[in-house]
């Protein structure tokens, strides 16, 4: 089976089909990713099933050369999206030419799914991250729905559909690993995000701590080690410390309430 013929190849086959026994040209539907690189890690891509997966997936109707989802929505919901194959049983003559159709089984379309990504916000984020490495995730604070998720560098899933070997090889060789979804697979220290945990733990123990003040002179000594703040914030309340992301304040607050309370939250 030869796929992804260009116009010149199709014209040549049509012109010579009387001399090419048993050669049939068929048009198959093809996945299209109209937004290109935008939300590529959210969506994933389609590719031919590899030998390492066929044994596990054969009971679900998968066969070699079938397309399946890799990464993102495409992989997670592959069984929902793929539908069921159809088929045509034909009778051919001694030259391999089609004589008549003996049987036909119509294919069944896969189901549609709706995701929470706002493509307008996603495009803005992807464009702003275009020349950077990193992750941006935007969530609805009330529902937990993901509004946008951007991992950079990213890729164009259409390259896999079109079988662009040069583009795919470049992705695989790229030292920045554009196929790696940093948003869900990367492991990073929480950094200042953990300040919220410390603050919530303190308020859970005693809400009046919201007015507790500590002085930030740019560093704090704990044991024999100094821990720096990124600025000198001077006198700060909890509200100030969250706004200014003050390391010294949150270190002091953590020492005040103790690790047991923080661990509880």
Protein backbone atom coordinates (compact mmCIF):
# COMPACT_ATOMS: atom_id res chain seq x y z
CA UNK A 1 0.00 0.00 0.00
CA UNK A 2 1.45 3.36 -1.06
CA UNK A 3 0.08 6.42 0.67
CA UNK A 4 0.18 10.19 0.33
CA UNK A 5 0.56 10.29 -3.45
CA UNK A 6 1.17 13.69 -4.98
CA UNK A 7 -0.71 15.01 -8.00
CA UNK A 8 1.97 13.95 -10.49
CA UNK A 9 1.95 10.37 -9.18
CA UNK A 10 -1.85 10.15 -9.34
CA UNK A 11 -1.93 11.47 -12.91
CA UNK A 12 0.76 9.00 -13.98
CA UNK A 13 -1.14 6.06 -12.47
CA UNK A 14 -4.40 7.13 -14.10
CA UNK A 15 -2.71 7.45 -17.50
CA UNK A 16 -1.20 3.98 -17.22
CA UNK A 17 -3.91 2.12 -15.29
CA UNK A 18 -4.77 -0.12 -18.28
CA UNK A 19 -1.25 -1.55 -18.10
CA UNK A 20 -1.15 -1.76 -14.30
CA UNK A 21 -3.14 -4.80 -13.29
CA UNK A 22 -4.68 -4.82 -9.84
CA UNK A 23 -3.70 -1.24 -9.06
CA UNK A 24 -6.50 0.74 -7.46
CA UNK A 25 -6.52 4.34 -6.34
CA UNK A 26 -8.74 5.22 -3.42
CA UNK A 27 -9.39 8.43 -1.53
CA UNK A 28 -9.40 8.15 2.25
CA UNK A 29 -10.39 10.75 4.85
CA UNK A 30 -7.47 12.42 6.56
CA UNK A 31 -7.13 14.18 9.90
CA UNK A 32 -6.50 17.92 9.64
CA UNK A 33 -5.24 20.17 12.41
CA UNK A 34 -6.35 23.63 11.23
CA UNK A 35 -4.54 25.51 14.00
CA UNK A 36 -1.13 23.96 13.31
CA UNK A 37 1.19 24.21 16.31
CA UNK A 38 -1.50 25.75 18.52
CA UNK A 39 -2.52 23.38 21.35
CA UNK A 40 -0.44 20.59 19.81
CA UNK A 41 0.36 19.03 23.19
CA UNK A 42 -3.29 19.19 24.19
CA UNK A 43 -4.44 17.46 21.01
CA UNK A 44 -1.59 15.05 20.26
CA UNK A 45 -1.34 13.59 16.77
CA UNK A 46 -2.21 10.55 14.65
CA UNK A 47 0.44 8.09 13.52
CA UNK A 48 0.72 4.48 12.43
CA UNK A 49 0.52 2.01 15.27
CA UNK A 50 3.94 0.60 16.14
CA UNK A 51 4.85 -3.02 16.75
CA UNK A 52 5.43 -2.44 20.47
CA UNK A 53 1.74 -1.53 20.94
CA UNK A 54 -0.02 -3.88 18.55
CA UNK A 55 -0.02 -6.90 20.90
CA UNK A 56 -1.76 -4.94 23.65
CA UNK A 57 -4.24 -3.25 21.31
CA UNK A 58 -5.09 -6.09 18.93
CA UNK A 59 -8.04 -7.25 21.13
CA UNK A 60 -9.60 -3.80 20.54
CA UNK A 61 -9.56 -4.26 16.77
CA UNK A 62 -6.28 -2.56 15.98
CA UNK A 63 -4.09 -3.89 13.15
CA UNK A 64 -0.65 -3.03 11.84
CA UNK A 65 -0.66 0.10 9.67
CA UNK A 66 -3.75 1.38 11.49
CA UNK A 67 -3.65 4.96 12.67
CA UNK A 68 -3.85 5.65 16.38
CA UNK A 69 -3.47 8.64 18.66
CA UNK A 70 -0.16 9.57 20.24
CA UNK A 71 -0.20 12.01 23.14
CA UNK A 72 -2.92 14.35 24.33
CA UNK A 73 -6.60 13.98 23.48
CA UNK A 74 -5.83 11.84 20.44
CA UNK A 75 -4.29 9.07 22.54
CA UNK A 76 -6.49 9.27 25.64
CA UNK A 77 -9.75 9.19 23.65
CA UNK A 78 -8.54 7.13 20.69
CA UNK A 79 -11.14 4.38 21.15
CA UNK A 80 -13.91 6.97 21.32
CA UNK A 81 -12.74 8.94 18.28
CA UNK A 82 -11.72 6.14 15.92
CA UNK A 83 -15.14 4.64 15.12
CA UNK A 84 -15.42 1.31 13.25
CA UNK A 85 -13.93 0.29 9.95
CA UNK A 86 -16.03 -0.49 6.93
CA UNK A 87 -15.11 -2.67 3.98
CA UNK A 88 -15.80 -3.51 0.35
CA UNK A 89 -15.73 -7.02 -1.08
CA UNK A 90 -15.14 -6.99 -4.84
CA UNK A 91 -14.85 -9.45 -7.70
CA UNK A 92 -11.94 -9.01 -10.12
CA UNK A 93 -11.14 -10.53 -13.52
CA UNK A 94 -7.95 -12.34 -14.58
CA UNK A 95 -6.22 -9.00 -15.10
CA UNK A 96 -6.99 -7.86 -11.56
CA UNK A 97 -9.56 -5.35 -12.71
CA UNK A 98 -12.67 -4.74 -10.64
CA UNK A 99 -15.76 -6.39 -12.14
CA UNK A 100 -18.41 -5.84 -9.53
CA UNK A 101 -18.99 -5.15 -5.87
CA UNK A 102 -20.01 -8.26 -3.95
CA UNK A 103 -20.47 -6.80 -0.49
CA UNK A 104 -20.21 -3.54 1.36
CA UNK A 105 -20.01 -2.72 5.05
CA UNK A 106 -20.35 1.00 5.78
CA UNK A 107 -17.91 2.46 8.30
CA UNK A 108 -19.16 3.97 11.53
CA UNK A 109 -17.91 7.40 12.46
CA UNK A 110 -16.30 7.94 15.83
CA UNK A 111 -17.93 10.08 18.46
CA UNK A 112 -17.37 13.80 18.86
CA UNK A 113 -15.90 15.14 22.07
CA UNK A 114 -15.89 18.66 23.45
CA UNK A 115 -12.96 20.01 25.43
CA UNK A 116 -12.69 23.11 27.60
CA UNK A 117 -9.80 24.79 25.75
CA UNK A 118 -10.56 28.36 24.67
CA UNK A 119 -8.77 28.51 21.31
CA UNK A 120 -8.51 32.32 21.40
CA UNK A 121 -6.67 32.28 24.72
CA UNK A 122 -4.63 29.28 23.61
CA UNK A 123 -3.46 31.10 20.47
CA UNK A 124 -2.42 34.16 22.49
CA UNK A 125 -0.40 32.04 24.92
CA UNK A 126 1.25 29.94 22.22
CA UNK A 127 2.22 33.05 20.30
CA UNK A 128 3.69 34.70 23.40
CA UNK A 129 5.69 31.53 24.18
CA UNK A 130 6.90 31.06 20.61
CA UNK A 131 10.59 31.73 21.26
CA UNK A 132 10.77 30.42 24.82
CA UNK A 133 10.91 27.15 26.70
CA UNK A 134 8.36 26.64 29.44
CA UNK A 135 4.77 25.98 30.40
CA UNK A 136 1.63 28.05 30.82
CA UNK A 137 -1.58 26.53 32.20
CA UNK A 138 -4.78 28.53 32.76
CA UNK A 139 -7.57 26.97 34.82
CA UNK A 140 -11.05 28.03 35.80
CA UNK A 141 -10.69 28.46 39.60
CA UNK A 142 -14.30 27.46 40.22
CA UNK A 143 -14.55 24.31 38.08
CA UNK A 144 -10.94 23.23 37.60
CA UNK A 145 -11.46 23.18 33.82
CA UNK A 146 -8.36 23.74 31.71
CA UNK A 147 -8.85 26.90 29.63
CA UNK A 148 -5.43 26.81 27.97
CA UNK A 149 -2.34 24.63 28.25
CA UNK A 150 0.87 25.49 26.45
CA UNK A 151 4.16 23.58 26.51
CA UNK A 152 7.06 25.00 24.52
CA UNK A 153 8.73 24.26 22.24
CA UNK A 154 5.85 22.52 20.49
CA UNK A 155 5.23 20.96 17.05
CA UNK A 156 2.80 20.82 14.13
CA UNK A 157 0.76 17.57 14.27
CA UNK A 158 0.07 17.90 10.54
CA UNK A 159 3.68 16.82 9.90
CA UNK A 160 2.77 13.32 11.09
CA UNK A 161 -0.37 13.16 8.96
CA UNK A 162 1.50 14.27 5.86
CA UNK A 163 4.39 11.91 6.59
CA UNK A 164 6.94 14.71 6.39
CA UNK A 165 10.02 12.65 7.27
CA UNK A 166 12.40 15.59 7.35
CA UNK A 167 10.17 17.55 9.74
CA UNK A 168 9.61 14.49 11.96
CA UNK A 169 13.34 13.67 12.10
CA UNK A 170 14.08 17.27 13.03
CA UNK A 171 11.59 17.00 15.90
CA UNK A 172 13.18 13.77 17.14
CA UNK A 173 16.71 15.22 16.96
CA UNK A 174 15.85 18.57 18.54
CA UNK A 175 17.72 18.86 21.86
CA UNK A 176 14.83 20.92 23.28
CA UNK A 177 12.47 17.92 22.90
CA UNK A 178 9.42 19.63 21.33
CA UNK A 179 7.41 16.38 21.55
CA UNK A 180 7.80 16.34 25.34
CA UNK A 181 4.76 17.76 27.14
CA UNK A 182 6.37 19.69 29.96
CA UNK A 183 2.99 20.66 31.41
CA UNK A 184 2.01 17.14 32.44
CA UNK A 185 5.23 15.09 32.20
CA UNK A 186 7.88 17.51 33.45
CA UNK A 187 8.96 17.34 37.09
CA UNK A 188 9.82 20.69 38.63
CA UNK A 189 10.12 22.02 42.20
CA UNK A 190 6.96 23.96 43.13
CA UNK A 191 8.86 27.13 44.06
CA UNK A 192 6.64 30.06 45.00
CA UNK A 193 3.50 28.04 44.33
CA UNK A 194 4.10 26.41 47.72
CA UNK A 195 3.73 29.79 49.42
CA UNK A 196 -0.02 29.45 48.90
CA UNK A 197 0.05 26.10 50.74
CA UNK A 198 1.91 27.66 53.67
CA UNK A 199 -0.47 30.64 53.76
CA UNK A 200 -3.60 28.48 53.65
CA UNK A 201 -2.18 26.23 56.37
CA UNK A 202 -1.60 29.23 58.62
CA UNK A 203 -5.09 30.64 58.06
CA UNK A 204 -6.57 27.21 58.67
CA UNK A 205 -4.86 27.08 62.04
CA UNK A 206 -5.61 30.65 63.05
CA UNK A 207 -7.29 33.13 60.71
CA UNK A 208 -6.00 36.08 62.71
CA UNK A 209 -2.55 35.29 61.29
CA UNK A 210 -3.69 37.17 58.19
CA UNK A 211 -2.60 40.32 60.06
CA UNK A 212 0.67 38.85 61.37
CA UNK A 213 3.71 40.96 60.44
CA UNK A 214 7.31 39.93 59.80
CA UNK A 215 10.27 42.06 58.78
CA UNK A 216 12.10 41.17 55.56
CA UNK A 217 15.69 42.41 55.29
CA UNK A 218 16.43 40.29 52.21
CA UNK A 219 17.47 37.04 53.89
CA UNK A 220 16.79 34.72 56.81
CA UNK A 221 19.06 32.31 58.65
CA UNK A 222 17.65 28.89 59.49
CA UNK A 223 20.12 26.68 61.28
CA UNK A 224 23.52 27.31 59.72
CA UNK A 225 22.20 28.29 56.30
CA UNK A 226 21.07 31.63 54.91
CA UNK A 227 18.00 31.73 52.65
CA UNK A 228 17.68 34.79 50.44
CA UNK A 229 14.66 36.76 49.35
CA UNK A 230 14.64 38.31 45.90
CA UNK A 231 14.24 41.80 47.43
CA UNK A 232 14.15 43.70 50.73
CA UNK A 233 10.44 44.08 51.52
CA UNK A 234 10.76 45.38 55.10
CA UNK A 235 7.59 45.08 57.26
CA UNK A 236 4.97 42.85 55.61
CA UNK A 237 1.62 41.28 56.43
CA UNK A 238 0.47 38.02 54.87
CA UNK A 239 -1.41 39.90 52.15
CA UNK A 240 1.73 41.90 51.32
CA UNK A 241 3.88 38.77 51.30
CA UNK A 242 1.63 37.02 48.78
CA UNK A 243 1.51 40.10 46.55
CA UNK A 244 5.31 40.54 46.69
CA UNK A 245 6.11 36.80 46.82
CA UNK A 246 8.28 37.40 49.89
CA UNK A 247 10.43 34.39 50.76
CA UNK A 248 11.43 35.64 54.21
CA UNK A 249 7.85 36.18 55.36
CA UNK A 250 6.74 32.70 54.31
CA UNK A 251 9.80 31.09 55.92
CA UNK A 252 8.92 32.83 59.18
CA UNK A 253 5.27 31.88 58.87
CA UNK A 254 6.18 28.25 58.24
CA UNK A 255 8.42 28.20 61.30
CA UNK A 256 5.62 29.73 63.37
CA UNK A 257 2.94 27.17 62.52
CA UNK A 258 5.26 24.15 62.20
CA UNK A 259 5.55 21.31 59.66
CA UNK A 260 2.69 19.27 61.14
CA UNK A 261 0.10 21.90 60.21
CA UNK A 262 1.56 22.35 56.72
CA UNK A 263 1.59 18.58 56.20
CA UNK A 264 -2.09 18.46 57.19
CA UNK A 265 -2.99 20.78 54.34
